[in-house]
């Protein structure tokens, strides 16, 4: 059963967002990219984004401290975005002066997509 859930959970999440769009509810950035980490979430690493940074790699569900242009945020990458996205979508206003891609590795990518 666990393998089935692992296999179909991302597809279910995407279909749920699609359905929300069709009935007029908009997916918010938290649905797509995750949300600011607070409370019980503790970051296990810090990524410093410099003018030379072109991309960052994170894992789905990972909480990361991001230092962007001297501004710090903690972010929980638990959204459903299956494609790389621009860090500017979650960065503090005015902190990023260039494009940085965020690549979020999912469990399906780690285990080949067919469970354990």
PDB file of N, CA and C in Angstrom:
ATOM      1  N   UNK A   1       0.822  -1.195   0.000  1.00  0.00           N
ATOM      2  CA  UNK A   1       0.000   0.000   0.000  1.00  0.00           C
ATOM      3  C   UNK A   1       0.865   1.258   0.000  1.00  0.00           C
ATOM      4  N   UNK A   2       1.944   1.237   0.792  1.00  0.00           N
ATOM      5  CA  UNK A   2       2.837   2.402   0.881  1.00  0.00           C
ATOM      6  C   UNK A   2       3.449   2.735  -0.474  1.00  0.00           C
ATOM      7  N   UNK A   3       3.788   1.693  -1.234  1.00  0.00           N
ATOM      8  CA  UNK A   3       4.365   1.920  -2.559  1.00  0.00           C
ATOM      9  C   UNK A   3       3.362   2.598  -3.488  1.00  0.00           C
ATOM     10  N   UNK A   4       2.102   2.210  -3.380  1.00  0.00           N
ATOM     11  CA  UNK A   4       1.063   2.813  -4.221  1.00  0.00           C
ATOM     12  C   UNK A   4       0.901   4.281  -3.864  1.00  0.00           C
ATOM     13  N   UNK A   5       0.894   4.576  -2.575  1.00  0.00           N
ATOM     14  CA  UNK A   5       0.765   5.969  -2.135  1.00  0.00           C
ATOM     15  C   UNK A   5       1.940   6.788  -2.641  1.00  0.00           C
ATOM     16  N   UNK A   6       3.158   6.262  -2.522  1.00  0.00           N
ATOM     17  CA  UNK A   6       4.348   6.980  -3.002  1.00  0.00           C
ATOM     18  C   UNK A   6       4.269   7.240  -4.497  1.00  0.00           C
ATOM     19  N   UNK A   7       3.722   6.293  -5.226  1.00  0.00           N
ATOM     20  CA  UNK A   7       3.655   6.410  -6.679  1.00  0.00           C
ATOM     21  C   UNK A   7       2.613   7.431  -7.129  1.00  0.00           C
ATOM     22  N   UNK A   8       1.464   7.447  -6.449  1.00  0.00           N
ATOM     23  CA  UNK A   8       0.366   8.278  -6.925  1.00  0.00           C
ATOM     24  C   UNK A   8       0.185   9.591  -6.177  1.00  0.00           C
ATOM     25  N   UNK A   9       0.878   9.807  -5.073  1.00  0.00           N
ATOM     26  CA  UNK A   9       0.699  11.046  -4.301  1.00  0.00           C
ATOM     27  C   UNK A   9       1.013  12.298  -5.120  1.00  0.00           C
ATOM     28  N   UNK A  10       2.131  12.355  -5.849  1.00  0.00           N
ATOM     29  CA  UNK A  10       2.396  13.568  -6.640  1.00  0.00           C
ATOM     30  C   UNK A  10       1.341  13.807  -7.721  1.00  0.00           C
ATOM     31  N   UNK A  11       0.879  12.757  -8.371  1.00  0.00           N
ATOM     32  CA  UNK A  11      -0.148  12.915  -9.399  1.00  0.00           C
ATOM     33  C   UNK A  11      -1.449  13.410  -8.779  1.00  0.00           C
ATOM     34  N   UNK A  12      -1.801  12.880  -7.621  1.00  0.00           N
ATOM     35  CA  UNK A  12      -3.008  13.330  -6.923  1.00  0.00           C
ATOM     36  C   UNK A  12      -2.906  14.804  -6.569  1.00  0.00           C
ATOM     37  N   UNK A  13      -1.729  15.227  -6.102  1.00  0.00           N
ATOM     38  CA  UNK A  13      -1.539  16.634  -5.735  1.00  0.00           C
ATOM     39  C   UNK A  13      -1.720  17.541  -6.947  1.00  0.00           C
ATOM     40  N   UNK A  14      -1.169  17.160  -8.077  1.00  0.00           N
ATOM     41  CA  UNK A  14      -1.302  17.966  -9.297  1.00  0.00           C
ATOM     42  C   UNK A  14      -2.756  18.010  -9.749  1.00  0.00           C
ATOM     43  N   UNK A  15      -3.436  16.881  -9.703  1.00  0.00           N
ATOM     44  CA  UNK A  15      -4.846  16.857 -10.100  1.00  0.00           C
ATOM     45  C   UNK A  15      -5.702  17.704  -9.161  1.00  0.00           C
ATOM     46  N   UNK A  16      -5.376  17.695  -7.889  1.00  0.00           N
ATOM     47  CA  UNK A  16      -6.108  18.518  -6.933  1.00  0.00           C
ATOM     48  C   UNK A  16      -5.934  19.991  -7.265  1.00  0.00           C
ATOM     49  N   UNK A  17      -4.697  20.408  -7.560  1.00  0.00           N
ATOM     50  CA  UNK A  17      -4.469  21.802  -7.935  1.00  0.00           C
ATOM     51  C   UNK A  17      -5.188  22.142  -9.235  1.00  0.00           C
ATOM     52  N   UNK A  18      -5.177  21.219 -10.205  1.00  0.00           N
ATOM     53  CA  UNK A  18      -5.870  21.448 -11.468  1.00  0.00           C
ATOM     54  C   UNK A  18      -7.362  21.644 -11.223  1.00  0.00           C
ATOM     55  N   UNK A  19      -7.932  20.810 -10.369  1.00  0.00           N
ATOM     56  CA  UNK A  19      -9.354  20.916 -10.060  1.00  0.00           C
ATOM     57  C   UNK A  19      -9.652  22.255  -9.386  1.00  0.00           C
ATOM     58  N   UNK A  20      -8.780  22.681  -8.478  1.00  0.00           N
ATOM     59  CA  UNK A  20      -8.972  23.972  -7.814  1.00  0.00           C
ATOM     60  C   UNK A  20      -8.991  25.094  -8.838  1.00  0.00           C
ATOM     61  N   UNK A  21      -8.119  25.023  -9.823  1.00  0.00           N
ATOM     62  CA  UNK A  21      -8.070  26.044 -10.865  1.00  0.00           C
ATOM     63  C   UNK A  21      -9.376  26.045 -11.666  1.00  0.00           C
ATOM     64  N   UNK A  22      -9.893  24.873 -11.993  1.00  0.00           N
ATOM     65  CA  UNK A  22     -11.098  24.774 -12.815  1.00  0.00           C
ATOM     66  C   UNK A  22     -12.328  25.307 -12.100  1.00  0.00           C
ATOM     67  N   UNK A  23     -12.390  25.163 -10.774  1.00  0.00           N
ATOM     68  CA  UNK A  23     -13.568  25.643 -10.067  1.00  0.00           C
ATOM     69  C   UNK A  23     -13.383  27.057  -9.539  1.00  0.00           C
ATOM     70  N   UNK A  24     -12.279  27.690  -9.915  1.00  0.00           N
ATOM     71  CA  UNK A  24     -12.097  29.099  -9.596  1.00  0.00           C
ATOM     72  C   UNK A  24     -11.218  29.386  -8.394  1.00  0.00           C
ATOM     73  N   UNK A  25     -10.725  28.365  -7.721  1.00  0.00           N
ATOM     74  CA  UNK A  25      -9.808  28.601  -6.615  1.00  0.00           C
ATOM     75  C   UNK A  25      -8.392  28.648  -7.155  1.00  0.00           C
ATOM     76  N   UNK A  26      -7.657  29.623  -6.777  1.00  0.00           N
ATOM     77  CA  UNK A  26      -6.286  29.757  -7.266  1.00  0.00           C
ATOM     78  C   UNK A  26      -5.316  29.056  -6.326  1.00  0.00           C
ATOM     79  N   UNK A  27      -4.341  28.384  -6.912  1.00  0.00           N
ATOM     80  CA  UNK A  27      -3.273  27.792  -6.110  1.00  0.00           C
ATOM     81  C   UNK A  27      -2.372  28.934  -5.647  1.00  0.00           C
ATOM     82  N   UNK A  28      -2.076  28.965  -4.373  1.00  0.00           N
ATOM     83  CA  UNK A  28      -1.186  30.011  -3.884  1.00  0.00           C
ATOM     84  C   UNK A  28       0.259  29.522  -3.956  1.00  0.00           C
ATOM     85  N   UNK A  29       1.232  30.428  -3.789  1.00  0.00           N
ATOM     86  CA  UNK A  29       2.632  30.018  -3.872  1.00  0.00           C
ATOM     87  C   UNK A  29       2.989  28.894  -2.900  1.00  0.00           C
ATOM     88  N   UNK A  30       2.327  28.842  -1.751  1.00  0.00           N
ATOM     89  CA  UNK A  30       2.586  27.768  -0.797  1.00  0.00           C
ATOM     90  C   UNK A  30       2.230  26.408  -1.355  1.00  0.00           C
ATOM     91  N   UNK A  31       1.153  26.353  -2.144  1.00  0.00           N
ATOM     92  CA  UNK A  31       0.771  25.101  -2.777  1.00  0.00           C
ATOM     93  C   UNK A  31       1.824  24.667  -3.782  1.00  0.00           C
ATOM     94  N   UNK A  32       2.366  25.626  -4.514  1.00  0.00           N
ATOM     95  CA  UNK A  32       3.300  25.303  -5.583  1.00  0.00           C
ATOM     96  C   UNK A  32       4.744  25.114  -5.109  1.00  0.00           C
ATOM     97  N   UNK A  33       5.222  26.027  -4.268  1.00  0.00           N
ATOM     98  CA  UNK A  33       6.654  26.071  -3.970  1.00  0.00           C
ATOM     99  C   UNK A  33       7.004  25.769  -2.517  1.00  0.00           C
ATOM    100  N   UNK A  34       6.037  25.652  -1.654  1.00  0.00           N
ATOM    101  CA  UNK A  34       6.288  25.477  -0.232  1.00  0.00           C
ATOM    102  C   UNK A  34       5.897  26.745   0.499  1.00  0.00           C
ATOM    103  N   UNK A  35       6.428  26.910   1.711  1.00  0.00           N
ATOM    104  CA  UNK A  35       6.081  28.098   2.484  1.00  0.00           C
ATOM    105  C   UNK A  35       7.209  28.467   3.426  1.00  0.00           C
ATOM    106  N   UNK A  36       7.173  29.699   3.914  1.00  0.00           N
ATOM    107  CA  UNK A  36       8.192  30.082   4.907  1.00  0.00           C
ATOM    108  C   UNK A  36       8.133  29.126   6.086  1.00  0.00           C
ATOM    109  N   UNK A  37       9.294  28.726   6.552  1.00  0.00           N
ATOM    110  CA  UNK A  37       9.365  27.790   7.679  1.00  0.00           C
ATOM    111  C   UNK A  37       9.307  28.567   8.978  1.00  0.00           C
ATOM    112  N   UNK A  38       8.502  28.082   9.885  1.00  0.00           N
ATOM    113  CA  UNK A  38       8.410  28.708  11.196  1.00  0.00           C
ATOM    114  C   UNK A  38       7.975  27.658  12.196  1.00  0.00           C
ATOM    115  N   UNK A  39       7.998  28.013  13.469  1.00  0.00           N
ATOM    116  CA  UNK A  39       7.525  27.113  14.508  1.00  0.00           C
ATOM    117  C   UNK A  39       8.362  25.866  14.625  1.00  0.00           C
ATOM    118  N   UNK A  40       7.740  24.720  14.346  1.00  0.00           N
ATOM    119  CA  UNK A  40       8.413  23.435  14.552  1.00  0.00           C
ATOM    120  C   UNK A  40       9.422  23.085  13.466  1.00  0.00           C
ATOM    121  N   UNK A  41       9.447  23.845  12.386  1.00  0.00           N
ATOM    122  CA  UNK A  41      10.380  23.550  11.303  1.00  0.00           C
ATOM    123  C   UNK A  41      11.776  24.077  11.631  1.00  0.00           C
ATOM    124  N   UNK A  42      12.772  23.218  11.499  1.00  0.00           N
ATOM    125  CA  UNK A  42      14.148  23.609  11.756  1.00  0.00           C
ATOM    126  C   UNK A  42      14.970  23.294  10.511  1.00  0.00           C
ATOM    127  N   UNK A  43      15.678  24.294  10.024  1.00  0.00           N
ATOM    128  CA  UNK A  43      16.514  24.108   8.837  1.00  0.00           C
ATOM    129  C   UNK A  43      17.725  23.256   9.190  1.00  0.00           C
ATOM    130  N   UNK A  44      18.102  22.381   8.262  1.00  0.00           N
ATOM    131  CA  UNK A  44      19.274  21.549   8.489  1.00  0.00           C
ATOM    132  C   UNK A  44      20.499  22.034   7.720  1.00  0.00           C
ATOM    133  N   UNK A  45      20.332  23.082   6.910  1.00  0.00           N
ATOM    134  CA  UNK A  45      21.484  23.660   6.212  1.00  0.00           C
ATOM    135  C   UNK A  45      21.141  25.054   5.725  1.00  0.00           C
ATOM    136  N   UNK A  46      22.189  25.785   5.343  1.00  0.00           N
ATOM    137  CA  UNK A  46      22.037  27.137   4.809  1.00  0.00           C
ATOM    138  C   UNK A  46      22.617  27.179   3.412  1.00  0.00           C
ATOM    139  N   UNK A  47      21.897  27.816   2.513  1.00  0.00           N
ATOM    140  CA  UNK A  47      22.393  28.045   1.155  1.00  0.00           C
ATOM    141  C   UNK A  47      22.570  29.549   1.000  1.00  0.00           C
ATOM    142  N   UNK A  48      23.802  29.953   0.668  1.00  0.00           N
ATOM    143  CA  UNK A  48      24.088  31.365   0.430  1.00  0.00           C
ATOM    144  C   UNK A  48      24.011  31.597  -1.077  1.00  0.00           C
ATOM    145  N   UNK A  49      23.116  32.478  -1.475  1.00  0.00           N
ATOM    146  CA  UNK A  49      22.934  32.807  -2.892  1.00  0.00           C
ATOM    147  C   UNK A  49      23.759  34.053  -3.184  1.00  0.00           C
ATOM    148  N   UNK A  50      24.747  33.888  -4.045  1.00  0.00           N
ATOM    149  CA  UNK A  50      25.637  34.990  -4.421  1.00  0.00           C
ATOM    150  C   UNK A  50      25.306  35.439  -5.842  1.00  0.00           C
ATOM    151  N   UNK A  51      25.904  36.522  -6.310  1.00  0.00           N
ATOM    152  CA  UNK A  51      25.673  36.933  -7.699  1.00  0.00           C
ATOM    153  C   UNK A  51      26.088  35.869  -8.724  1.00  0.00           C
ATOM    154  N   UNK A  52      26.964  34.937  -8.322  1.00  0.00           N
ATOM    155  CA  UNK A  52      27.402  33.872  -9.229  1.00  0.00           C
ATOM    156  C   UNK A  52      26.493  32.644  -9.204  1.00  0.00           C
ATOM    157  N   UNK A  53      25.570  32.571  -8.261  1.00  0.00           N
ATOM    158  CA  UNK A  53      24.693  31.402  -8.130  1.00  0.00           C
ATOM    159  C   UNK A  53      23.709  31.357  -9.295  1.00  0.00           C
ATOM    160  N   UNK A  54      23.696  30.218  -9.989  1.00  0.00           N
ATOM    161  CA  UNK A  54      22.786  30.036 -11.125  1.00  0.00           C
ATOM    162  C   UNK A  54      21.629  29.108 -10.770  1.00  0.00           C
ATOM    163  N   UNK A  55      21.855  28.198  -9.815  1.00  0.00           N
ATOM    164  CA  UNK A  55      20.811  27.270  -9.401  1.00  0.00           C
ATOM    165  C   UNK A  55      21.095  26.773  -7.993  1.00  0.00           C
ATOM    166  N   UNK A  56      20.042  26.259  -7.352  1.00  0.00           N
ATOM    167  CA  UNK A  56      20.207  25.581  -6.072  1.00  0.00           C
ATOM    168  C   UNK A  56      19.445  24.266  -6.140  1.00  0.00           C
ATOM    169  N   UNK A  57      19.927  23.281  -5.410  1.00  0.00           N
ATOM    170  CA  UNK A  57      19.287  21.974  -5.336  1.00  0.00           C
ATOM    171  C   UNK A  57      18.785  21.750  -3.919  1.00  0.00           C
ATOM    172  N   UNK A  58      17.534  21.357  -3.801  1.00  0.00           N
ATOM    173  CA  UNK A  58      16.940  21.035  -2.516  1.00  0.00           C
ATOM    174  C   UNK A  58      16.148  19.742  -2.675  1.00  0.00           C
ATOM    175  N   UNK A  59      15.710  19.207  -1.565  1.00  0.00           N
ATOM    176  CA  UNK A  59      14.911  17.992  -1.566  1.00  0.00           C
ATOM    177  C   UNK A  59      13.496  18.330  -1.119  1.00  0.00           C
ATOM    178  N   UNK A  60      12.511  17.716  -1.739  1.00  0.00           N
ATOM    179  CA  UNK A  60      11.125  17.951  -1.356  1.00  0.00           C
ATOM    180  C   UNK A  60      10.953  17.677   0.139  1.00  0.00           C
ATOM    181  N   UNK A  61      10.341  18.624   0.841  1.00  0.00           N
ATOM    182  CA  UNK A  61      10.129  18.498   2.277  1.00  0.00           C
ATOM    183  C   UNK A  61      11.275  19.015   3.120  1.00  0.00           C
ATOM    184  N   UNK A  62      12.361  19.408   2.474  1.00  0.00           N
ATOM    185  CA  UNK A  62      13.523  19.924   3.200  1.00  0.00           C
ATOM    186  C   UNK A  62      13.284  21.372   3.618  1.00  0.00           C
ATOM    187  N   UNK A  63      13.745  21.694   4.822  1.00  0.00           N
ATOM    188  CA  UNK A  63      13.703  23.067   5.310  1.00  0.00           C
ATOM    189  C   UNK A  63      15.116  23.610   5.214  1.00  0.00           C
ATOM    190  N   UNK A  64      15.260  24.741   4.522  1.00  0.00           N
ATOM    191  CA  UNK A  64      16.577  25.317   4.238  1.00  0.00           C
ATOM    192  C   UNK A  64      16.581  26.790   4.625  1.00  0.00           C
ATOM    193  N   UNK A  65      17.667  27.222   5.238  1.00  0.00           N
ATOM    194  CA  UNK A  65      17.888  28.658   5.420  1.00  0.00           C
ATOM    195  C   UNK A  65      18.476  29.180   4.119  1.00  0.00           C
ATOM    196  N   UNK A  66      17.902  30.232   3.588  1.00  0.00           N
ATOM    197  CA  UNK A  66      18.406  30.859   2.373  1.00  0.00           C
ATOM    198  C   UNK A  66      18.917  32.247   2.728  1.00  0.00           C
ATOM    199  N   UNK A  67      20.164  32.517   2.379  1.00  0.00           N
ATOM    200  CA  UNK A  67      20.722  33.852   2.538  1.00  0.00           C
ATOM    201  C   UNK A  67      20.795  34.435   1.131  1.00  0.00           C
ATOM    202  N   UNK A  68      19.903  35.374   0.862  1.00  0.00           N
ATOM    203  CA  UNK A  68      19.782  35.947  -0.478  1.00  0.00           C
ATOM    204  C   UNK A  68      20.025  37.440  -0.381  1.00  0.00           C
ATOM    205  N   UNK A  69      21.124  37.888  -0.943  1.00  0.00           N
ATOM    206  CA  UNK A  69      21.431  39.314  -0.913  1.00  0.00           C
ATOM    207  C   UNK A  69      21.528  39.862   0.500  1.00  0.00           C
ATOM    208  N   UNK A  70      22.012  39.044   1.418  1.00  0.00           N
ATOM    209  CA  UNK A  70      22.153  39.469   2.803  1.00  0.00           C
ATOM    210  C   UNK A  70      20.890  39.347   3.630  1.00  0.00           C
ATOM    211  N   UNK A  71      19.797  38.904   3.005  1.00  0.00           N
ATOM    212  CA  UNK A  71      18.539  38.703   3.734  1.00  0.00           C
ATOM    213  C   UNK A  71      18.346  37.205   3.960  1.00  0.00           C
ATOM    214  N   UNK A  72      17.987  36.835   5.164  1.00  0.00           N
ATOM    215  CA  UNK A  72      17.801  35.430   5.511  1.00  0.00           C
ATOM    216  C   UNK A  72      16.321  35.071   5.578  1.00  0.00           C
ATOM    217  N   UNK A  73      15.989  33.928   4.975  1.00  0.00           N
ATOM    218  CA  UNK A  73      14.656  33.350   5.147  1.00  0.00           C
ATOM    219  C   UNK A  73      14.835  31.851   5.341  1.00  0.00           C
ATOM    220  N   UNK A  74      13.926  31.257   6.074  1.00  0.00           N
ATOM    221  CA  UNK A  74      13.875  29.798   6.187  1.00  0.00           C
ATOM    222  C   UNK A  74      12.686  29.348   5.345  1.00  0.00           C
ATOM    223  N   UNK A  75      12.902  28.362   4.485  1.00  0.00           N
ATOM    224  CA  UNK A  75      11.851  27.932   3.565  1.00  0.00           C
ATOM    225  C   UNK A  75      11.659  26.431   3.652  1.00  0.00           C
ATOM    226  N   UNK A  76      10.399  26.011   3.690  1.00  0.00           N
ATOM    227  CA  UNK A  76      10.039  24.602   3.681  1.00  0.00           C
ATOM    228  C   UNK A  76       9.622  24.257   2.244  1.00  0.00           C
ATOM    229  N   UNK A  77      10.451  23.484   1.556  1.00  0.00           N
ATOM    230  CA  UNK A  77      10.204  23.122   0.159  1.00  0.00           C
ATOM    231  C   UNK A  77       9.266  21.918   0.091  1.00  0.00           C
ATOM    232  N   UNK A  78       8.015  22.123   0.484  1.00  0.00           N
ATOM    233  CA  UNK A  78       7.041  21.034   0.488  1.00  0.00           C
ATOM    234  C   UNK A  78       5.900  21.255  -0.505  1.00  0.00           C
ATOM    235  N   UNK A  79       6.116  22.098  -1.496  1.00  0.00           N
ATOM    236  CA  UNK A  79       5.096  22.353  -2.509  1.00  0.00           C
ATOM    237  C   UNK A  79       5.016  21.228  -3.522  1.00  0.00           C
ATOM    238  N   UNK A  80       4.159  21.402  -4.511  1.00  0.00           N
ATOM    239  CA  UNK A  80       3.946  20.349  -5.508  1.00  0.00           C
ATOM    240  C   UNK A  80       4.568  20.676  -6.862  1.00  0.00           C
ATOM    241  N   UNK A  81       5.325  21.756  -6.943  1.00  0.00           N
ATOM    242  CA  UNK A  81       5.947  22.117  -8.229  1.00  0.00           C
ATOM    243  C   UNK A  81       6.856  20.986  -8.691  1.00  0.00           C
ATOM    244  N   UNK A  82       6.538  20.434  -9.850  1.00  0.00           N
ATOM    245  CA  UNK A  82       7.328  19.328 -10.375  1.00  0.00           C
ATOM    246  C   UNK A  82       8.444  19.822 -11.293  1.00  0.00           C
ATOM    247  N   UNK A  83       8.363  21.058 -11.706  1.00  0.00           N
ATOM    248  CA  UNK A  83       9.358  21.634 -12.602  1.00  0.00           C
ATOM    249  C   UNK A  83      10.241  22.595 -11.824  1.00  0.00           C
ATOM    250  N   UNK A  84      11.460  22.810 -12.295  1.00  0.00           N
ATOM    251  CA  UNK A  84      12.294  23.845 -11.663  1.00  0.00           C
ATOM    252  C   UNK A  84      11.554  25.184 -11.693  1.00  0.00           C
ATOM    253  N   UNK A  85      11.812  26.021 -10.701  1.00  0.00           N
ATOM    254  CA  UNK A  85      11.177  27.329 -10.671  1.00  0.00           C
ATOM    255  C   UNK A  85      12.187  28.403 -10.294  1.00  0.00           C
ATOM    256  N   UNK A  86      11.840  29.631 -10.578  1.00  0.00           N
ATOM    257  CA  UNK A  86      12.691  30.776 -10.326  1.00  0.00           C
ATOM    258  C   UNK A  86      12.656  31.120  -8.831  1.00  0.00           C
ATOM    259  N   UNK A  87      13.819  31.217  -8.206  1.00  0.00           N
ATOM    260  CA  UNK A  87      13.915  31.561  -6.793  1.00  0.00           C
ATOM    261  C   UNK A  87      13.252  32.900  -6.505  1.00  0.00           C
ATOM    262  N   UNK A  88      13.197  33.771  -7.502  1.00  0.00           N
ATOM    263  CA  UNK A  88      12.550  35.069  -7.346  1.00  0.00           C
ATOM    264  C   UNK A  88      11.090  34.976  -6.928  1.00  0.00           C
ATOM    265  N   UNK A  89      10.454  33.819  -7.157  1.00  0.00           N
ATOM    266  CA  UNK A  89       9.056  33.637  -6.769  1.00  0.00           C
ATOM    267  C   UNK A  89       8.884  33.561  -5.258  1.00  0.00           C
ATOM    268  N   UNK A  90       9.968  33.198  -4.530  1.00  0.00           N
ATOM    269  CA  UNK A  90       9.859  33.071  -3.073  1.00  0.00           C
ATOM    270  C   UNK A  90      10.831  33.975  -2.324  1.00  0.00           C
ATOM    271  N   UNK A  91      11.760  34.603  -3.035  1.00  0.00           N
ATOM    272  CA  UNK A  91      12.770  35.460  -2.395  1.00  0.00           C
ATOM    273  C   UNK A  91      12.140  36.743  -1.873  1.00  0.00           C
ATOM    274  N   UNK A  92      12.704  37.294  -0.800  1.00  0.00           N
ATOM    275  CA  UNK A  92      12.205  38.591  -0.316  1.00  0.00           C
ATOM    276  C   UNK A  92      12.323  39.652  -1.406  1.00  0.00           C
ATOM    277  N   UNK A  93      11.353  40.524  -1.461  1.00  0.00           N
ATOM    278  CA  UNK A  93      11.316  41.600  -2.459  1.00  0.00           C
ATOM    279  C   UNK A  93      12.644  42.354  -2.498  1.00  0.00           C
ATOM    280  N   UNK A  94      13.226  42.478  -3.691  1.00  0.00           N
ATOM    281  CA  UNK A  94      14.441  43.252  -3.884  1.00  0.00           C
ATOM    282  C   UNK A  94      15.736  42.578  -3.460  1.00  0.00           C
ATOM    283  N   UNK A  95      15.666  41.320  -3.013  1.00  0.00           N
ATOM    284  CA  UNK A  95      16.884  40.668  -2.531  1.00  0.00           C
ATOM    285  C   UNK A  95      17.661  39.957  -3.635  1.00  0.00           C
ATOM    286  N   UNK A  96      17.034  39.687  -4.744  1.00  0.00           N
ATOM    287  CA  UNK A  96      17.654  38.913  -5.816  1.00  0.00           C
ATOM    288  C   UNK A  96      17.732  39.767  -7.070  1.00  0.00           C
ATOM    289  N   UNK A  97      18.947  39.879  -7.638  1.00  0.00           N
ATOM    290  CA  UNK A  97      19.118  40.728  -8.816  1.00  0.00           C
ATOM    291  C   UNK A  97      19.413  39.932 -10.095  1.00  0.00           C
ATOM    292  N   UNK A  98      19.265  38.610 -10.010  1.00  0.00           N
ATOM    293  CA  UNK A  98      19.474  37.771 -11.188  1.00  0.00           C
ATOM    294  C   UNK A  98      18.632  36.499 -11.043  1.00  0.00           C
ATOM    295  N   UNK A  99      18.505  35.761 -12.132  1.00  0.00           N
ATOM    296  CA  UNK A  99      17.690  34.555 -12.118  1.00  0.00           C
ATOM    297  C   UNK A  99      18.463  33.390 -11.508  1.00  0.00           C
ATOM    298  N   UNK A 100      17.818  32.698 -10.578  1.00  0.00           N
ATOM    299  CA  UNK A 100      18.373  31.498  -9.951  1.00  0.00           C
ATOM    300  C   UNK A 100      17.287  30.426 -10.018  1.00  0.00           C
ATOM    301  N   UNK A 101      17.603  29.278 -10.612  1.00  0.00           N
ATOM    302  CA  UNK A 101      16.658  28.176 -10.707  1.00  0.00           C
ATOM    303  C   UNK A 101      16.711  27.335  -9.428  1.00  0.00           C
ATOM    304  N   UNK A 102      15.557  26.886  -8.986  1.00  0.00           N
ATOM    305  CA  UNK A 102      15.460  25.976  -7.850  1.00  0.00           C
ATOM    306  C   UNK A 102      15.059  24.608  -8.390  1.00  0.00           C
ATOM    307  N   UNK A 103      15.871  23.606  -8.106  1.00  0.00           N
ATOM    308  CA  UNK A 103      15.577  22.232  -8.489  1.00  0.00           C
ATOM    309  C   UNK A 103      15.213  21.468  -7.224  1.00  0.00           C
ATOM    310  N   UNK A 104      13.986  20.943  -7.180  1.00  0.00           N
ATOM    311  CA  UNK A 104      13.506  20.220  -6.007  1.00  0.00           C
ATOM    312  C   UNK A 104      13.440  18.742  -6.347  1.00  0.00           C
ATOM    313  N   UNK A 105      14.295  17.964  -5.703  1.00  0.00           N
ATOM    314  CA  UNK A 105      14.301  16.521  -5.920  1.00  0.00           C
ATOM    315  C   UNK A 105      13.177  15.881  -5.116  1.00  0.00           C
ATOM    316  N   UNK A 106      12.406  15.029  -5.762  1.00  0.00           N
ATOM    317  CA  UNK A 106      11.309  14.341  -5.088  1.00  0.00           C
ATOM    318  C   UNK A 106      11.728  12.921  -4.731  1.00  0.00           C
ATOM    319  N   UNK A 107      10.952  12.300  -3.880  1.00  0.00           N
ATOM    320  CA  UNK A 107      11.233  10.915  -3.513  1.00  0.00           C
ATOM    321  C   UNK A 107      11.141  10.001  -4.726  1.00  0.00           C
ATOM    322  N   UNK A 108      10.214  10.307  -5.631  1.00  0.00           N
ATOM    323  CA  UNK A 108      10.087   9.490  -6.840  1.00  0.00           C
ATOM    324  C   UNK A 108      11.365   9.545  -7.670  1.00  0.00           C
ATOM    325  N   UNK A 109      12.017  10.698  -7.710  1.00  0.00           N
ATOM    326  CA  UNK A 109      13.264  10.805  -8.457  1.00  0.00           C
ATOM    327  C   UNK A 109      14.373  10.031  -7.766  1.00  0.00           C
ATOM    328  N   UNK A 110      14.369  10.041  -6.433  1.00  0.00           N
ATOM    329  CA  UNK A 110      15.416   9.346  -5.683  1.00  0.00           C
ATOM    330  C   UNK A 110      15.313   7.840  -5.816  1.00  0.00           C
ATOM    331  N   UNK A 111      14.092   7.313  -5.814  1.00  0.00           N
ATOM    332  CA  UNK A 111      13.956   5.853  -5.811  1.00  0.00           C
ATOM    333  C   UNK A 111      13.531   5.292  -7.167  1.00  0.00           C
ATOM    334  N   UNK A 112      13.582   6.097  -8.199  1.00  0.00           N
ATOM    335  CA  UNK A 112      13.257   5.627  -9.537  1.00  0.00           C
ATOM    336  C   UNK A 112      11.780   5.648  -9.856  1.00  0.00           C
ATOM    337  N   UNK A 113      10.951   6.111  -8.916  1.00  0.00           N
ATOM    338  CA  UNK A 113       9.534   6.262  -9.178  1.00  0.00           C
ATOM    339  C   UNK A 113       8.679   5.038  -8.912  1.00  0.00           C
ATOM    340  N   UNK A 114       9.270   3.957  -8.436  1.00  0.00           N
ATOM    341  CA  UNK A 114       8.490   2.740  -8.229  1.00  0.00           C
ATOM    342  C   UNK A 114       8.510   2.261  -6.794  1.00  0.00           C
ATOM    343  N   UNK A 115       8.736   3.159  -5.846  1.00  0.00           N
ATOM    344  CA  UNK A 115       8.752   2.756  -4.444  1.00  0.00           C
ATOM    345  C   UNK A 115      10.083   2.169  -4.050  1.00  0.00           C
ATOM    346  N   UNK A 116      10.101   1.573  -2.871  1.00  0.00           N
ATOM    347  CA  UNK A 116      11.355   1.002  -2.337  1.00  0.00           C
ATOM    348  C   UNK A 116      11.749  -0.278  -3.013  1.00  0.00           C
TER     349      UNK A 116
END
